[in-house]
Amino acid sequence: MKKIFIIIIIILTLNFVHAAVGCSLNEPDKEVKRFFPESTGYKTEYISIASRGGEETAELIEANLNDNLNPKYESLSVDYSYYNILKGKEIIGRIHGVNQKGMFGGMQLILATDTEGKVIGFFIQKMSSPHAKNFKKEDFINKFIGLTLQDFNDFHSGKENNKISKIKSPSEKFKDDFSNLIRGLNKNLILLDVFKLEGKNLEKNNVGNE
């Protein structure tokens, strides 16, 4: 009984740590070179909602996400990792990820974006799902290349022929995980806009980045 109790405590502790820490790259050097072969280096930055306006910023994010932030997995104190990609002294793009709750556990969704916030690369670093391999297939992943936050705005507003609606789940059985993935990518681009792009692509009132 004592051993079982200890195991439960360990599991709960690991879940808490996972919830409290933002999504970082497992192999940053490799991923930077993969998406930005011309880069000469990168600088890592950690930013939380709490450090950029707190509750007011959280409300702005929720308004654009059309959903509430999960207090366990998306608390205001979570630090999000931003890899600012350099060519000499110039920032030529960024790599950034988010944790997203899925049907069977957490997802880690990583985007590479240009300096304007357009997606130039995407991969799923982690996904707890029996059909994870379907979601990681190149032909599905490539559907997100070229998207911007405006495409998600169009999706939420019901704009005809919006790009997000044209992307279909790679697994009919786990459509909820597809919805979770779309939410996570939307959140990722909203956070990028709030933290690094002065909120210029948000639907609701702009927010300053510095």
Protein backbone atom coordinates (compact mmCIF):
# COMPACT_ATOMS: atom_id res chain seq x y z
CA MET A 1 0.00 0.00 0.00
CA LYS A 2 2.84 2.37 0.88
CA LYS A 3 4.54 1.71 -2.48
CA ILE A 4 1.29 2.40 -4.33
CA PHE A 5 0.88 5.69 -2.47
CA ILE A 6 4.43 6.74 -3.38
CA ILE A 7 3.83 5.91 -7.05
CA ILE A 8 0.64 8.01 -7.07
CA ILE A 9 2.52 10.95 -5.54
CA ILE A 10 5.25 10.67 -8.18
CA ILE A 11 2.69 10.61 -11.02
CA LEU A 12 0.87 13.64 -9.63
CA THR A 13 4.17 15.48 -9.22
CA LEU A 14 5.19 14.74 -12.81
CA ASN A 15 1.81 15.92 -14.07
CA PHE A 16 2.20 19.15 -12.10
CA VAL A 17 5.69 19.76 -13.45
CA HIS A 18 4.47 19.08 -16.99
CA ALA A 19 1.61 21.51 -16.51
CA ALA A 20 3.80 24.24 -15.00
CA VAL A 21 6.55 24.22 -17.65
CA GLY A 22 6.22 25.54 -21.18
CA CYS A 23 7.18 23.59 -24.29
CA SER A 24 10.90 23.65 -25.15
CA LEU A 25 12.73 21.96 -28.02
CA ASN A 26 14.30 18.60 -27.25
CA GLU A 27 17.03 19.20 -29.85
CA PRO A 28 17.22 22.96 -30.50
CA ASP A 29 20.46 22.94 -32.54
CA LYS A 30 19.07 20.29 -34.89
CA GLU A 31 15.68 21.98 -35.36
CA VAL A 32 17.17 25.44 -35.91
CA LYS A 33 19.39 24.09 -38.70
CA ARG A 34 16.48 22.11 -40.18
CA PHE A 35 14.15 25.08 -40.53
CA PHE A 36 16.74 27.85 -40.90
CA PRO A 37 19.82 26.35 -42.62
CA GLU A 38 21.18 29.85 -43.28
CA SER A 39 21.18 30.78 -39.57
CA THR A 40 24.36 31.61 -37.68
CA GLY A 41 22.89 31.02 -34.22
CA TYR A 42 19.91 31.64 -31.98
CA LYS A 43 18.95 33.21 -28.67
CA THR A 44 16.42 31.61 -26.35
CA GLU A 45 13.88 33.77 -24.54
CA TYR A 46 11.31 32.77 -21.92
CA ILE A 47 8.08 34.76 -21.67
CA SER A 48 4.99 34.27 -19.52
CA ILE A 49 1.54 35.82 -19.73
CA ALA A 50 2.07 37.05 -16.17
CA SER A 51 5.14 39.03 -17.28
CA ARG A 52 3.26 40.62 -20.21
CA GLY A 53 0.14 42.06 -18.64
CA GLY A 54 -1.25 39.21 -16.56
CA GLU A 55 -5.04 38.95 -16.41
CA GLU A 56 -5.61 41.64 -19.02
CA THR A 57 -3.41 39.83 -21.53
CA ALA A 58 -5.02 36.50 -20.65
CA GLU A 59 -8.45 37.96 -21.45
CA LEU A 60 -7.15 39.20 -24.81
CA ILE A 61 -5.75 35.76 -25.62
CA GLU A 62 -9.00 34.05 -24.64
CA ALA A 63 -11.05 36.47 -26.75
CA ASN A 64 -8.96 35.62 -29.82
CA LEU A 65 -8.84 31.91 -29.03
CA ASN A 66 -12.61 31.78 -28.47
CA ASP A 67 -11.92 29.58 -25.45
CA ASN A 68 -10.77 29.85 -21.86
CA LEU A 69 -7.20 29.06 -20.86
CA ASN A 70 -6.91 25.90 -18.79
CA PRO A 71 -5.77 26.98 -15.29
CA LYS A 72 -3.69 23.80 -14.92
CA TYR A 73 -1.99 23.54 -18.31
CA GLU A 74 -2.12 27.19 -19.36
CA SER A 75 -1.61 29.18 -16.19
CA LEU A 76 -0.41 32.76 -16.42
CA SER A 77 2.93 31.84 -14.83
CA VAL A 78 3.93 29.30 -17.52
CA ASP A 79 7.09 30.33 -19.36
CA TYR A 80 6.93 29.90 -23.15
CA SER A 81 10.20 29.31 -24.98
CA TYR A 82 11.07 31.46 -28.01
CA TYR A 83 14.09 30.62 -30.11
CA ASN A 84 14.99 33.82 -31.93
CA ILE A 85 16.90 32.71 -35.03
CA LEU A 86 19.82 34.87 -36.07
CA LYS A 87 21.75 35.53 -39.25
CA GLY A 88 24.55 37.66 -37.97
CA LYS A 89 22.80 40.14 -35.70
CA GLU A 90 19.51 40.06 -37.58
CA ILE A 91 16.49 38.02 -36.41
CA ILE A 92 15.28 36.04 -39.45
CA GLY A 93 12.57 33.96 -37.76
CA ARG A 94 11.50 32.11 -34.65
CA ILE A 95 10.75 28.63 -33.37
CA HIS A 96 8.22 28.28 -30.57
CA GLY A 97 5.96 25.61 -29.12
CA VAL A 98 2.99 25.09 -26.83
CA ASN A 99 1.64 22.26 -24.72
CA GLN A 100 -1.91 21.32 -25.67
CA LYS A 101 -4.16 18.91 -23.80
CA GLY A 102 -5.30 16.06 -26.04
CA MET A 103 -7.68 13.11 -25.71
CA PHE A 104 -5.02 10.80 -24.29
CA GLY A 105 -2.52 13.24 -22.78
CA GLY A 106 -0.38 16.18 -23.77
CA MET A 107 0.71 17.35 -27.21
CA GLN A 108 3.77 19.46 -27.93
CA LEU A 109 3.17 21.52 -31.07
CA ILE A 110 6.19 23.30 -32.53
CA LEU A 111 6.05 26.06 -35.15
CA ALA A 112 8.79 27.77 -37.10
CA THR A 113 7.67 31.21 -38.32
CA ASP A 114 9.13 34.08 -40.29
CA THR A 115 9.44 37.53 -38.76
CA GLU A 116 5.84 38.38 -39.73
CA GLY A 117 4.35 35.28 -38.07
CA LYS A 118 3.78 33.10 -41.15
CA VAL A 119 4.27 29.36 -40.58
CA ILE A 120 7.28 28.03 -42.49
CA GLY A 121 7.62 24.78 -40.52
CA PHE A 122 5.58 22.61 -38.17
CA PHE A 123 6.11 19.36 -36.31
CA ILE A 124 4.59 17.48 -33.41
CA GLN A 125 7.31 16.87 -30.84
CA LYS A 126 5.03 14.78 -28.63
CA MET A 127 1.54 13.35 -28.95
CA SER A 128 -0.12 10.77 -26.73
CA SER A 129 -2.58 9.08 -29.08
CA PRO A 130 -3.03 5.65 -30.70
CA HIS A 131 -3.16 7.52 -34.03
CA ALA A 132 -0.23 9.88 -33.43
CA LYS A 133 1.55 8.57 -36.54
CA ASN A 134 -1.38 9.73 -38.69
CA PHE A 135 -1.04 13.26 -37.35
CA LYS A 136 2.74 13.26 -37.88
CA LYS A 137 2.59 12.27 -41.55
CA GLU A 138 4.30 14.76 -43.85
CA ASP A 139 1.30 15.26 -46.14
CA PHE A 140 -0.83 16.31 -43.14
CA ILE A 141 1.87 18.46 -41.51
CA ASN A 142 2.51 20.31 -44.78
CA LYS A 143 -1.09 21.54 -44.90
CA PHE A 144 -0.20 24.05 -42.19
CA ILE A 145 2.78 25.58 -44.01
CA GLY A 146 2.04 29.13 -45.09
CA LEU A 147 -0.77 29.73 -42.58
CA THR A 148 -0.95 32.89 -40.49
CA LEU A 149 -2.99 33.98 -37.49
CA GLN A 150 -5.37 35.71 -39.92
CA ASP A 151 -6.33 32.31 -41.32
CA PHE A 152 -7.45 31.22 -37.85
CA ASN A 153 -9.28 34.53 -37.42
CA ASP A 154 -11.12 33.84 -40.68
CA PHE A 155 -11.97 30.35 -39.43
CA HIS A 156 -13.48 31.65 -36.18
CA SER A 157 -15.44 34.36 -37.96
CA GLY A 158 -16.90 31.81 -40.38
CA LYS A 159 -15.41 33.43 -43.46
CA GLU A 160 -16.28 31.49 -46.59
CA ASN A 161 -13.52 29.27 -48.02
CA ASN A 162 -11.21 29.86 -45.06
CA LYS A 163 -8.05 27.76 -45.19
CA ILE A 164 -8.50 26.02 -41.81
CA SER A 165 -11.87 24.51 -42.74
CA LYS A 166 -10.26 22.88 -45.77
CA ILE A 167 -7.88 20.87 -43.57
CA LYS A 168 -9.43 17.57 -42.52
CA SER A 169 -8.56 15.27 -39.63
CA PRO A 170 -6.11 12.50 -40.59
CA SER A 171 -8.03 10.16 -38.29
CA GLU A 172 -11.81 9.88 -38.43
CA LYS A 173 -11.85 8.06 -35.10
CA PHE A 174 -9.99 10.80 -33.21
CA LYS A 175 -11.51 14.01 -34.55
CA ASP A 176 -11.39 15.52 -31.05
CA ASP A 177 -7.59 15.36 -31.16
CA PHE A 178 -7.71 17.18 -34.49
CA SER A 179 -9.78 19.93 -32.84
CA ASN A 180 -7.29 20.02 -29.97
CA LEU A 181 -4.42 20.35 -32.43
CA ILE A 182 -6.13 23.24 -34.25
CA ARG A 183 -6.71 24.97 -30.91
CA GLY A 184 -3.06 24.50 -29.92
CA LEU A 185 -1.73 25.92 -33.18
CA ASN A 186 -4.12 28.85 -32.93
CA LYS A 187 -2.94 29.49 -29.36
CA ASN A 188 0.68 29.27 -30.48
CA LEU A 189 0.21 31.98 -33.11
CA ILE A 190 -1.81 34.18 -30.76
CA LEU A 191 0.92 34.03 -28.13
CA LEU A 192 3.54 34.85 -30.78
CA ASP A 193 1.52 37.87 -31.84
CA VAL A 194 1.02 39.07 -28.27
CA PHE A 195 4.61 38.48 -27.14
CA LYS A 196 6.65 39.32 -30.25
CA LEU A 197 4.55 41.09 -32.92
CA GLU A 198 2.86 43.84 -30.89
CA GLY A 199 -0.57 42.23 -31.27
CA LYS A 200 -0.94 43.57 -34.81
CA ASN A 201 -2.78 40.49 -36.10
CA LEU A 202 -5.21 40.07 -33.23
CA GLU A 203 -8.94 40.50 -33.71
CA LYS A 204 -9.47 42.34 -30.44
CA ASN A 205 -7.65 45.47 -29.20
CA ASN A 206 -3.93 45.45 -29.83
CA VAL A 207 -1.55 44.73 -27.00
CA GLY A 208 1.95 46.04 -26.62
CA ASN A 209 4.89 43.65 -26.65
CA GLU A 210 7.39 45.60 -24.56
